[in-house]
Amino acid sequence: MPWDIHWAVTCNHIGGLWISPSVNLITNLGFGETATHTRFQDDLRQYIKRGCAPQRPAYEANPGESKVDEQFDRSLFLMEVLNAYRNIRALSLWQRALERTPNLMIPGMPPYTRTLLSPLQRPTELLAILDYVTPFMTDNPRLHRLKADLAALVAHP
């Protein structure tokens, strides 16, 4: 599991915030099996629209004042978690089994990763998150599959 997901879980758990631009400021060419870190060919991060940081005004009306979009931070966190999910339906079954049997061990997963399944308890929120981040992304088949899987979970809990 990548370190950034653990960091995002920790920040979210303690109510922390991080800075996230609304556009991708870099172009990552390394997606797929030969990549160093982003080996999943259909990684959602490759679909975030690329852009430039907005120009700062020469004079700020309230120097030092910052604007925090808490919905964007939470959306970004949940999108990172969603990006790690490969089979939402199977993971949802594991989440339900863990709710009934907290000591259950998931094969091949360390115990600390079970917290990454907790967002599946609220598929409606995850679906709303995908709707929220969709304008920031280019159209892609994986996003449509995630939405369909989450819509199925909402329709048949």
Protein backbone atom coordinates (compact mmCIF):
# COMPACT_ATOMS: atom_id res chain seq x y z
CA MET A 1 0.00 0.00 0.00
CA PRO A 2 1.51 3.39 -0.98
CA TRP A 3 2.67 5.69 1.83
CA ASP A 4 0.46 8.56 0.63
CA ILE A 5 -2.73 6.61 1.29
CA HIS A 6 -1.62 5.89 4.86
CA TRP A 7 -0.74 9.57 5.29
CA ALA A 8 -4.16 10.62 3.93
CA VAL A 9 -5.92 8.17 6.28
CA THR A 10 -3.96 9.55 9.24
CA CYS A 11 -4.64 13.19 8.31
CA ASN A 12 -8.32 12.49 7.79
CA HIS A 13 -8.60 10.54 11.04
CA ILE A 14 -7.13 13.37 13.16
CA GLY A 15 -8.96 16.11 11.26
CA GLY A 16 -5.85 17.41 9.52
CA LEU A 17 -5.75 19.18 6.19
CA TRP A 18 -3.32 19.16 3.27
CA ILE A 19 -2.86 21.39 0.27
CA SER A 20 -4.35 20.01 -2.95
CA PRO A 21 -4.49 21.94 -6.20
CA SER A 22 -7.71 21.64 -8.19
CA VAL A 23 -5.72 20.70 -11.30
CA ASN A 24 -2.81 18.33 -11.81
CA LEU A 25 0.35 20.45 -11.94
CA ILE A 26 2.52 17.68 -13.38
CA THR A 27 2.39 15.18 -16.21
CA ASN A 28 3.12 11.66 -15.05
CA LEU A 29 4.03 9.46 -17.99
CA GLY A 30 4.73 6.41 -15.84
CA PHE A 31 1.54 4.40 -15.53
CA GLY A 32 1.57 0.65 -16.07
CA GLU A 33 3.61 -2.46 -15.31
CA THR A 34 6.97 -0.83 -16.09
CA ALA A 35 6.34 2.20 -13.87
CA THR A 36 8.23 2.68 -10.63
CA HIS A 37 5.28 3.56 -8.37
CA THR A 38 2.06 3.74 -10.41
CA ARG A 39 1.94 0.21 -11.79
CA PHE A 40 -1.84 -0.04 -12.06
CA GLN A 41 -2.55 0.75 -15.73
CA ASP A 42 -6.00 2.19 -14.96
CA ASP A 43 -4.91 4.43 -12.04
CA LEU A 44 -7.47 7.24 -11.65
CA ARG A 45 -4.72 9.79 -11.04
CA GLN A 46 -3.77 9.68 -14.72
CA TYR A 47 -7.19 11.10 -15.60
CA ILE A 48 -6.94 14.26 -13.48
CA LYS A 49 -6.93 17.22 -15.85
CA ARG A 50 -3.59 18.94 -16.21
CA GLY A 51 -3.30 22.69 -15.78
CA CYS A 52 -1.36 25.56 -14.33
CA ALA A 53 -1.49 27.03 -10.87
CA PRO A 54 -3.52 30.23 -10.80
CA GLN A 55 -1.49 33.42 -10.78
CA ARG A 56 -1.35 35.12 -7.39
CA PRO A 57 -2.65 38.66 -7.40
CA ALA A 58 0.01 41.34 -6.90
CA TYR A 59 -1.91 42.60 -3.87
CA GLU A 60 -3.89 40.40 -1.50
CA ALA A 61 -6.82 42.05 0.28
CA ASN A 62 -6.26 39.95 3.42
CA PRO A 63 -2.64 38.77 3.56
CA GLY A 64 -2.23 35.50 5.40
CA GLU A 65 -5.87 34.52 5.00
CA SER A 66 -6.27 31.10 3.51
CA LYS A 67 -9.25 29.47 1.89
CA VAL A 68 -9.92 25.86 2.82
CA ASP A 69 -12.29 23.79 0.73
CA GLU A 70 -12.93 20.97 3.19
CA GLN A 71 -15.11 19.13 0.72
CA PHE A 72 -12.25 19.01 -1.80
CA ASP A 73 -9.80 17.67 0.80
CA ARG A 74 -12.21 14.92 1.85
CA SER A 75 -13.04 14.20 -1.78
CA LEU A 76 -9.37 13.90 -2.63
CA PHE A 77 -8.80 11.56 0.32
CA LEU A 78 -11.74 9.34 -0.63
CA MET A 79 -10.70 9.39 -4.27
CA GLU A 80 -7.26 8.09 -3.26
CA VAL A 81 -8.92 5.30 -1.30
CA LEU A 82 -11.28 4.55 -4.21
CA ASN A 83 -8.27 4.47 -6.52
CA ALA A 84 -6.80 1.67 -4.40
CA TYR A 85 -9.97 -0.42 -4.74
CA ARG A 86 -9.84 -2.91 -7.59
CA ASN A 87 -13.06 -4.87 -6.93
CA ILE A 88 -15.58 -2.80 -5.00
CA ARG A 89 -18.21 -5.54 -4.81
CA ALA A 90 -15.79 -8.07 -3.27
CA LEU A 91 -14.36 -5.48 -0.87
CA SER A 92 -17.88 -4.51 0.17
CA LEU A 93 -18.54 -8.13 1.12
CA TRP A 94 -15.34 -8.13 3.21
CA GLN A 95 -16.42 -4.87 4.89
CA ARG A 96 -19.77 -6.40 5.85
CA ALA A 97 -18.06 -9.55 7.13
CA LEU A 98 -15.70 -7.40 9.25
CA GLU A 99 -18.66 -5.54 10.74
CA ARG A 100 -20.13 -8.86 11.91
CA THR A 101 -16.82 -10.49 12.88
CA PRO A 102 -14.26 -7.80 13.88
CA ASN A 103 -11.46 -10.35 14.46
CA LEU A 104 -11.78 -11.78 10.95
CA MET A 105 -8.51 -11.73 9.01
CA ILE A 106 -8.59 -10.79 5.33
CA PRO A 107 -6.26 -13.09 3.37
CA GLY A 108 -3.20 -11.25 2.08
CA MET A 109 -3.99 -7.99 3.89
CA PRO A 110 -2.38 -6.75 7.10
CA PRO A 111 -4.85 -5.86 9.89
CA TYR A 112 -4.17 -2.11 9.63
CA THR A 113 -5.54 -2.00 6.06
CA ARG A 114 -9.08 -2.83 7.18
CA THR A 115 -9.61 0.88 7.93
CA LEU A 116 -9.33 1.50 4.19
CA LEU A 117 -12.54 -0.49 3.74
CA SER A 118 -14.57 1.71 6.09
CA PRO A 119 -15.62 4.18 3.34
CA LEU A 120 -17.57 1.29 1.78
CA GLN A 121 -20.01 1.61 4.67
CA ARG A 122 -21.25 4.77 2.95
CA PRO A 123 -21.46 4.03 -0.81
CA THR A 124 -23.77 7.03 -1.30
CA GLU A 125 -21.00 9.34 -0.09
CA LEU A 126 -18.45 7.63 -2.35
CA LEU A 127 -20.77 8.04 -5.32
CA ALA A 128 -21.18 11.74 -4.46
CA ILE A 129 -17.39 12.06 -4.23
CA LEU A 130 -16.98 10.62 -7.71
CA ASP A 131 -19.62 13.04 -8.99
CA TYR A 132 -17.72 15.88 -7.26
CA VAL A 133 -14.31 15.01 -8.78
CA THR A 134 -15.62 14.11 -12.25
CA PRO A 135 -15.35 17.72 -13.56
CA PHE A 136 -11.65 17.69 -12.61
CA MET A 137 -11.04 14.52 -14.65
CA THR A 138 -11.07 13.49 -18.28
CA ASP A 139 -13.73 10.98 -19.26
CA ASN A 140 -12.55 7.40 -18.64
CA PRO A 141 -14.00 3.88 -18.46
CA ARG A 142 -12.73 3.12 -14.94
CA LEU A 143 -14.61 6.09 -13.50
CA HIS A 144 -17.80 4.83 -15.15
CA ARG A 145 -17.23 1.30 -13.74
CA LEU A 146 -16.64 2.67 -10.22
CA LYS A 147 -19.83 4.71 -10.43
CA ALA A 148 -21.83 1.70 -11.67
CA ASP A 149 -20.47 -0.55 -8.89
CA LEU A 150 -21.23 2.05 -6.21
CA ALA A 151 -24.70 2.71 -7.64
CA ALA A 152 -25.35 -1.06 -7.41
CA LEU A 153 -24.27 -1.03 -3.73
CA VAL A 154 -26.58 1.91 -3.03
CA ALA A 155 -29.50 0.21 -4.79
CA HIS A 156 -28.92 -3.19 -3.14
CA PRO A 157 -27.24 -2.68 0.26
